[in-house]
N, C-alpha and C. Protein backbone atom coordinates (compact mmCIF):
# COMPACT_ATOMS: atom_id res chain seq x y z
N GLY A 1 50.49 -10.18 -29.33
CA GLY A 1 50.92 -8.85 -28.97
C GLY A 1 51.57 -8.85 -27.61
N TYR A 2 52.19 -7.74 -27.29
CA TYR A 2 52.86 -7.58 -26.02
C TYR A 2 52.78 -6.13 -25.59
N TRP A 3 53.26 -5.84 -24.39
CA TRP A 3 53.17 -4.51 -23.79
C TRP A 3 54.55 -3.89 -23.60
N PRO A 4 55.22 -3.42 -24.63
CA PRO A 4 56.49 -2.73 -24.38
C PRO A 4 56.22 -1.36 -23.79
N LEU A 5 57.13 -0.88 -22.97
CA LEU A 5 57.00 0.48 -22.46
C LEU A 5 57.50 1.44 -23.53
N VAL A 6 56.70 2.43 -23.84
CA VAL A 6 57.09 3.47 -24.79
C VAL A 6 56.92 4.78 -24.04
N GLY A 7 58.01 5.33 -23.54
CA GLY A 7 57.89 6.50 -22.67
C GLY A 7 57.13 6.07 -21.43
N ALA A 8 56.08 6.80 -21.09
CA ALA A 8 55.28 6.44 -19.92
C ALA A 8 54.01 5.71 -20.33
N ALA A 9 53.83 5.48 -21.63
CA ALA A 9 52.59 4.87 -22.11
C ALA A 9 52.83 3.42 -22.50
N ARG A 10 51.74 2.70 -22.70
CA ARG A 10 51.82 1.31 -23.13
C ARG A 10 51.12 1.17 -24.46
N VAL A 11 51.60 0.22 -25.25
CA VAL A 11 51.02 -0.01 -26.57
C VAL A 11 50.81 -1.50 -26.75
N ARG A 12 49.76 -1.86 -27.43
CA ARG A 12 49.48 -3.27 -27.75
C ARG A 12 49.37 -3.37 -29.26
N TYR A 13 50.21 -4.20 -29.86
CA TYR A 13 50.20 -4.36 -31.31
C TYR A 13 49.16 -5.39 -31.73
N VAL A 14 48.45 -5.08 -32.80
CA VAL A 14 47.52 -6.01 -33.43
C VAL A 14 48.26 -6.54 -34.65
N GLU A 15 49.01 -7.60 -34.43
CA GLU A 15 49.94 -8.08 -35.45
C GLU A 15 49.24 -8.48 -36.74
N GLU A 16 48.02 -8.96 -36.65
CA GLU A 16 47.29 -9.40 -37.84
C GLU A 16 46.99 -8.26 -38.80
N THR A 17 46.90 -7.03 -38.30
CA THR A 17 46.51 -5.89 -39.13
C THR A 17 47.55 -4.79 -39.18
N GLY A 18 48.57 -4.88 -38.32
CA GLY A 18 49.57 -3.82 -38.25
C GLY A 18 49.11 -2.61 -37.46
N GLU A 19 47.94 -2.68 -36.85
CA GLU A 19 47.44 -1.58 -36.04
C GLU A 19 48.03 -1.66 -34.64
N MET A 20 47.79 -0.61 -33.86
CA MET A 20 48.20 -0.64 -32.46
C MET A 20 47.15 0.04 -31.60
N ILE A 21 47.06 -0.47 -30.37
CA ILE A 21 46.15 0.09 -29.37
C ILE A 21 47.01 0.82 -28.36
N TRP A 22 46.70 2.07 -28.16
CA TRP A 22 47.48 2.93 -27.27
C TRP A 22 46.59 3.38 -26.14
N TRP A 23 47.09 3.33 -24.90
CA TRP A 23 46.36 3.84 -23.75
C TRP A 23 46.84 5.26 -23.48
N SER A 24 45.91 6.17 -23.25
CA SER A 24 46.28 7.56 -23.01
C SER A 24 45.23 8.24 -22.14
N GLU A 25 45.66 9.28 -21.46
CA GLU A 25 44.76 10.13 -20.69
C GLU A 25 44.50 11.44 -21.44
N ARG A 26 44.57 11.41 -22.75
CA ARG A 26 44.43 12.62 -23.57
C ARG A 26 43.09 13.32 -23.36
N SER A 27 42.06 12.59 -22.94
CA SER A 27 40.73 13.18 -22.72
C SER A 27 40.54 13.63 -21.26
N GLY A 28 41.53 13.36 -20.42
CA GLY A 28 41.38 13.61 -18.99
C GLY A 28 41.03 12.34 -18.24
N TRP A 29 40.67 11.28 -18.97
CA TRP A 29 40.39 9.96 -18.42
C TRP A 29 41.23 8.95 -19.19
N GLY A 30 41.63 7.86 -18.57
CA GLY A 30 42.42 6.83 -19.25
C GLY A 30 41.57 6.02 -20.20
N HIS A 31 41.93 6.02 -21.49
CA HIS A 31 41.17 5.28 -22.49
C HIS A 31 42.10 4.69 -23.55
N PHE A 32 41.54 3.75 -24.33
CA PHE A 32 42.27 3.11 -25.41
C PHE A 32 41.93 3.75 -26.74
N TYR A 33 42.95 3.86 -27.59
CA TYR A 33 42.80 4.47 -28.91
C TYR A 33 43.42 3.54 -29.95
N LEU A 34 42.82 3.47 -31.13
CA LEU A 34 43.32 2.63 -32.22
C LEU A 34 44.06 3.49 -33.23
N TYR A 35 45.28 3.06 -33.56
CA TYR A 35 46.12 3.74 -34.54
C TYR A 35 46.42 2.80 -35.69
N ASP A 36 46.62 3.37 -36.89
CA ASP A 36 47.00 2.54 -38.02
C ASP A 36 48.50 2.29 -38.01
N ARG A 37 48.99 1.52 -38.98
CA ARG A 37 50.40 1.14 -39.00
C ARG A 37 51.34 2.32 -39.20
N ASP A 38 50.81 3.46 -39.66
CA ASP A 38 51.63 4.66 -39.85
C ASP A 38 51.58 5.59 -38.64
N GLY A 39 50.88 5.18 -37.60
CA GLY A 39 50.79 6.00 -36.39
C GLY A 39 49.70 7.05 -36.42
N LYS A 40 48.79 6.96 -37.38
CA LYS A 40 47.67 7.91 -37.47
C LYS A 40 46.49 7.38 -36.65
N LEU A 41 45.91 8.25 -35.83
CA LEU A 41 44.75 7.88 -35.02
C LEU A 41 43.59 7.51 -35.93
N LYS A 42 43.05 6.29 -35.72
CA LYS A 42 41.86 5.86 -36.45
C LYS A 42 40.60 6.24 -35.69
N ASN A 43 40.57 5.88 -34.39
CA ASN A 43 39.40 6.18 -33.57
C ASN A 43 39.67 5.86 -32.11
N PRO A 44 38.90 6.53 -31.21
CA PRO A 44 38.93 6.09 -29.81
C PRO A 44 38.21 4.74 -29.73
N ILE A 45 38.73 3.85 -28.91
CA ILE A 45 38.06 2.56 -28.67
C ILE A 45 37.12 2.70 -27.48
N THR A 46 37.57 3.40 -26.46
CA THR A 46 36.75 3.67 -25.28
C THR A 46 36.73 5.18 -25.07
N ALA A 47 35.67 5.66 -24.41
CA ALA A 47 35.53 7.09 -24.15
C ALA A 47 34.52 7.31 -23.03
N GLY A 48 34.61 8.46 -22.38
CA GLY A 48 33.64 8.82 -21.36
C GLY A 48 34.30 9.19 -20.05
N ASP A 49 33.48 9.54 -19.08
CA ASP A 49 33.96 9.95 -17.76
C ASP A 49 34.15 8.73 -16.86
N TRP A 50 35.05 7.88 -17.23
CA TRP A 50 35.41 6.68 -16.48
C TRP A 50 36.78 6.24 -17.00
N ARG A 51 37.37 5.23 -16.38
CA ARG A 51 38.74 4.83 -16.72
C ARG A 51 38.79 3.41 -17.26
N ALA A 52 39.29 3.27 -18.48
CA ALA A 52 39.64 1.96 -19.03
C ALA A 52 41.05 1.66 -18.52
N SER A 53 41.24 0.51 -17.88
CA SER A 53 42.49 0.29 -17.16
C SER A 53 43.50 -0.62 -17.85
N ARG A 54 43.13 -1.86 -18.09
CA ARG A 54 44.11 -2.87 -18.48
C ARG A 54 43.51 -3.80 -19.52
N ILE A 55 44.27 -4.07 -20.56
CA ILE A 55 43.84 -5.04 -21.56
C ILE A 55 43.99 -6.44 -20.97
N VAL A 56 42.91 -7.20 -21.02
CA VAL A 56 42.92 -8.58 -20.56
C VAL A 56 43.17 -9.51 -21.74
N ASP A 57 42.53 -9.22 -22.87
CA ASP A 57 42.71 -10.07 -24.04
C ASP A 57 42.27 -9.29 -25.28
N LEU A 58 42.75 -9.74 -26.42
CA LEU A 58 42.38 -9.16 -27.69
C LEU A 58 42.05 -10.29 -28.65
N ASP A 59 40.85 -10.26 -29.21
CA ASP A 59 40.46 -11.21 -30.25
C ASP A 59 40.56 -10.44 -31.57
N ALA A 60 41.72 -10.56 -32.22
CA ALA A 60 41.98 -9.78 -33.43
C ALA A 60 41.03 -10.17 -34.56
N LYS A 61 40.69 -11.45 -34.64
CA LYS A 61 39.80 -11.91 -35.72
C LYS A 61 38.41 -11.29 -35.57
N ALA A 62 37.89 -11.26 -34.35
CA ALA A 62 36.57 -10.66 -34.09
C ALA A 62 36.67 -9.15 -33.86
N ARG A 63 37.91 -8.63 -33.84
CA ARG A 63 38.17 -7.20 -33.59
C ARG A 63 37.50 -6.75 -32.29
N THR A 64 37.72 -7.55 -31.24
CA THR A 64 37.12 -7.30 -29.93
C THR A 64 38.21 -7.21 -28.87
N LEU A 65 38.13 -6.18 -28.05
CA LEU A 65 39.05 -5.96 -26.95
C LEU A 65 38.35 -6.27 -25.64
N TYR A 66 38.99 -7.06 -24.79
CA TYR A 66 38.52 -7.34 -23.43
C TYR A 66 39.44 -6.58 -22.49
N PHE A 67 38.85 -5.82 -21.57
CA PHE A 67 39.66 -4.97 -20.71
C PHE A 67 38.96 -4.74 -19.37
N THR A 68 39.73 -4.31 -18.39
CA THR A 68 39.14 -3.91 -17.12
C THR A 68 38.99 -2.40 -17.10
N GLY A 69 38.02 -1.96 -16.31
CA GLY A 69 37.79 -0.53 -16.17
C GLY A 69 37.12 -0.25 -14.84
N ASN A 70 37.09 1.02 -14.48
CA ASN A 70 36.44 1.41 -13.23
C ASN A 70 35.82 2.79 -13.36
N ALA A 71 34.96 3.11 -12.40
CA ALA A 71 34.26 4.40 -12.29
C ALA A 71 33.20 4.59 -13.37
N ARG A 72 32.73 3.50 -13.98
CA ARG A 72 31.71 3.61 -15.03
C ARG A 72 30.31 3.27 -14.53
N GLU A 73 30.20 2.36 -13.58
CA GLU A 73 28.90 1.86 -13.15
C GLU A 73 28.29 2.76 -12.09
N PRO A 74 27.10 3.32 -12.36
CA PRO A 74 26.46 4.27 -11.43
C PRO A 74 26.18 3.63 -10.05
N GLY A 75 26.41 4.41 -9.02
CA GLY A 75 26.09 3.97 -7.67
C GLY A 75 27.14 3.07 -7.04
N GLU A 76 28.20 2.76 -7.76
CA GLU A 76 29.26 1.90 -7.22
C GLU A 76 30.47 2.72 -6.82
N ASN A 77 31.28 2.15 -5.94
CA ASN A 77 32.55 2.73 -5.58
C ASN A 77 33.38 2.89 -6.85
N VAL A 78 33.99 4.05 -7.04
CA VAL A 78 34.74 4.31 -8.28
C VAL A 78 35.98 3.43 -8.43
N TYR A 79 36.38 2.77 -7.35
CA TYR A 79 37.56 1.91 -7.41
C TYR A 79 37.22 0.46 -7.76
N ASN A 80 35.94 0.12 -7.88
CA ASN A 80 35.54 -1.23 -8.28
C ASN A 80 35.95 -1.47 -9.73
N HIS A 81 36.61 -2.59 -9.98
CA HIS A 81 37.03 -2.96 -11.33
C HIS A 81 36.06 -3.98 -11.92
N HIS A 82 35.77 -3.83 -13.20
CA HIS A 82 34.90 -4.74 -13.93
C HIS A 82 35.57 -5.13 -15.24
N LEU A 83 35.09 -6.22 -15.83
CA LEU A 83 35.53 -6.66 -17.14
C LEU A 83 34.53 -6.18 -18.18
N TYR A 84 35.04 -5.64 -19.29
CA TYR A 84 34.22 -5.15 -20.39
C TYR A 84 34.75 -5.73 -21.70
N ARG A 85 33.91 -5.65 -22.72
CA ARG A 85 34.38 -5.91 -24.08
C ARG A 85 33.86 -4.80 -24.98
N VAL A 86 34.61 -4.54 -26.04
CA VAL A 86 34.22 -3.50 -26.99
C VAL A 86 34.87 -3.84 -28.33
N LYS A 87 34.21 -3.47 -29.40
CA LYS A 87 34.78 -3.63 -30.74
C LYS A 87 35.88 -2.58 -30.92
N LEU A 88 36.86 -2.88 -31.76
CA LEU A 88 37.96 -1.95 -31.97
C LEU A 88 37.51 -0.65 -32.62
N ASP A 89 36.31 -0.63 -33.22
CA ASP A 89 35.80 0.63 -33.77
C ASP A 89 35.08 1.47 -32.71
N GLY A 90 35.06 0.98 -31.45
CA GLY A 90 34.46 1.72 -30.35
C GLY A 90 33.00 1.41 -30.10
N THR A 91 32.42 0.50 -30.88
CA THR A 91 31.00 0.17 -30.70
C THR A 91 30.86 -1.08 -29.83
N GLY A 92 29.66 -1.26 -29.31
CA GLY A 92 29.31 -2.49 -28.60
C GLY A 92 29.92 -2.66 -27.23
N LEU A 93 30.19 -1.56 -26.52
CA LEU A 93 30.74 -1.67 -25.17
C LEU A 93 29.76 -2.46 -24.29
N THR A 94 30.26 -3.53 -23.66
CA THR A 94 29.42 -4.42 -22.86
C THR A 94 30.09 -4.73 -21.53
N LEU A 95 29.36 -4.56 -20.45
CA LEU A 95 29.82 -4.96 -19.11
C LEU A 95 29.67 -6.46 -19.00
N LEU A 96 30.75 -7.17 -18.67
CA LEU A 96 30.72 -8.63 -18.58
C LEU A 96 30.68 -9.13 -17.14
N THR A 97 30.96 -8.27 -16.17
CA THR A 97 30.94 -8.68 -14.77
C THR A 97 30.06 -7.73 -13.96
N PRO A 98 28.74 -7.86 -14.11
CA PRO A 98 27.85 -6.98 -13.35
C PRO A 98 27.89 -7.32 -11.86
N GLY A 99 27.48 -6.38 -11.07
CA GLY A 99 27.42 -6.59 -9.63
C GLY A 99 28.42 -5.70 -8.92
N ASP A 100 27.98 -5.11 -7.84
CA ASP A 100 28.81 -4.20 -7.07
C ASP A 100 30.02 -4.95 -6.52
N GLY A 101 31.19 -4.35 -6.64
CA GLY A 101 32.41 -4.95 -6.12
C GLY A 101 33.49 -5.01 -7.17
N THR A 102 34.70 -5.32 -6.71
CA THR A 102 35.83 -5.48 -7.61
C THR A 102 35.89 -6.93 -8.05
N HIS A 103 36.11 -7.14 -9.34
CA HIS A 103 36.15 -8.48 -9.91
C HIS A 103 37.58 -8.79 -10.33
N SER A 104 38.13 -9.90 -9.85
CA SER A 104 39.47 -10.31 -10.24
C SER A 104 39.40 -10.98 -11.59
N ILE A 105 40.17 -10.47 -12.54
CA ILE A 105 40.11 -10.95 -13.91
C ILE A 105 41.50 -11.38 -14.34
N THR A 106 41.59 -12.56 -14.90
CA THR A 106 42.82 -12.99 -15.54
C THR A 106 42.48 -13.35 -16.97
N GLY A 107 43.45 -13.29 -17.83
CA GLY A 107 43.16 -13.59 -19.23
C GLY A 107 44.43 -13.85 -19.99
N GLY A 108 44.31 -13.79 -21.29
CA GLY A 108 45.45 -13.99 -22.15
C GLY A 108 45.38 -15.28 -22.91
N GLY A 109 44.53 -16.21 -22.51
CA GLY A 109 44.42 -17.48 -23.20
C GLY A 109 43.24 -17.52 -24.15
N GLY A 110 42.68 -16.37 -24.46
CA GLY A 110 41.52 -16.33 -25.35
C GLY A 110 40.25 -16.26 -24.52
N MET A 111 39.56 -15.15 -24.59
CA MET A 111 38.35 -14.95 -23.81
C MET A 111 37.14 -15.40 -24.60
N GLY A 112 37.10 -16.66 -24.99
CA GLY A 112 35.98 -17.20 -25.74
C GLY A 112 34.71 -17.24 -24.92
N GLN A 113 33.59 -17.50 -25.59
CA GLN A 113 32.29 -17.51 -24.92
C GLN A 113 32.23 -18.55 -23.81
N ARG A 114 32.85 -19.71 -23.99
CA ARG A 114 32.83 -20.74 -22.94
C ARG A 114 33.51 -20.21 -21.68
N HIS A 115 34.67 -19.56 -21.83
CA HIS A 115 35.38 -19.01 -20.69
C HIS A 115 34.54 -17.94 -19.99
N LEU A 116 33.89 -17.08 -20.76
CA LEU A 116 33.07 -16.02 -20.16
C LEU A 116 31.87 -16.59 -19.42
N ARG A 117 31.25 -17.67 -19.96
CA ARG A 117 30.14 -18.30 -19.24
C ARG A 117 30.62 -18.85 -17.91
N MET A 118 31.79 -19.48 -17.89
CA MET A 118 32.32 -20.03 -16.64
C MET A 118 32.63 -18.90 -15.66
N LEU A 119 33.15 -17.78 -16.17
CA LEU A 119 33.45 -16.63 -15.32
C LEU A 119 32.18 -16.08 -14.68
N ARG A 120 31.12 -15.90 -15.48
CA ARG A 120 29.86 -15.39 -14.95
C ARG A 120 29.27 -16.35 -13.92
N GLN A 121 29.33 -17.65 -14.21
CA GLN A 121 28.78 -18.63 -13.28
C GLN A 121 29.54 -18.59 -11.96
N ALA A 122 30.86 -18.53 -12.01
CA ALA A 122 31.65 -18.51 -10.79
C ALA A 122 31.33 -17.27 -9.97
N GLN A 123 31.14 -16.11 -10.62
CA GLN A 123 30.82 -14.91 -9.89
C GLN A 123 29.42 -14.98 -9.30
N HIS A 124 28.49 -15.54 -10.02
CA HIS A 124 27.13 -15.70 -9.51
C HIS A 124 27.13 -16.57 -8.26
N GLU A 125 27.89 -17.67 -8.30
CA GLU A 125 27.95 -18.56 -7.15
C GLU A 125 28.61 -17.89 -5.97
N ASP A 126 29.57 -16.97 -6.23
CA ASP A 126 30.25 -16.27 -5.14
C ASP A 126 29.31 -15.32 -4.38
N LEU A 127 28.19 -14.97 -5.00
CA LEU A 127 27.28 -14.03 -4.34
C LEU A 127 26.45 -14.71 -3.26
N PHE A 128 26.44 -16.04 -3.21
CA PHE A 128 25.59 -16.75 -2.26
C PHE A 128 26.41 -17.47 -1.21
C-alpha cells in the first residue's frame, strides 16, 4: 500500500482485500476507519478521546494495523507518541511502547514479533 493524497486526507489501500483505511477527524479526534472496495464504511478501527496519528505498518494477512498515537495514556503529556496495534475490526487495541515519553518509531519492513521484541528491549535499556 501507499499514501496518496486525496484532498486533505490520506488513504492506505489493503491490496489483498480491496479495502482501504482512511484517516479522518469525523469524531472530533483523528482516527482510522475501514472502508470496503465500494467506499462504504465497514467500521471504525480506532476510536475515543485521543488521536491515532500515523500508520507504521499493516499486516494484511493478520488484519493488524500498527500505528502511532497520542493523548491516550493517562497522566502523560498529550504530545507523547506511542506505538499501538489493533485489528482492522477495531478489536484488540494494544499499547506496544509503554512508559512516559515520546517513542521514535520506524516501520514498513514488517512489524513481526521479533522486531517488536527488539524494539521493547531497546526502549527498556534506554531507561537505565
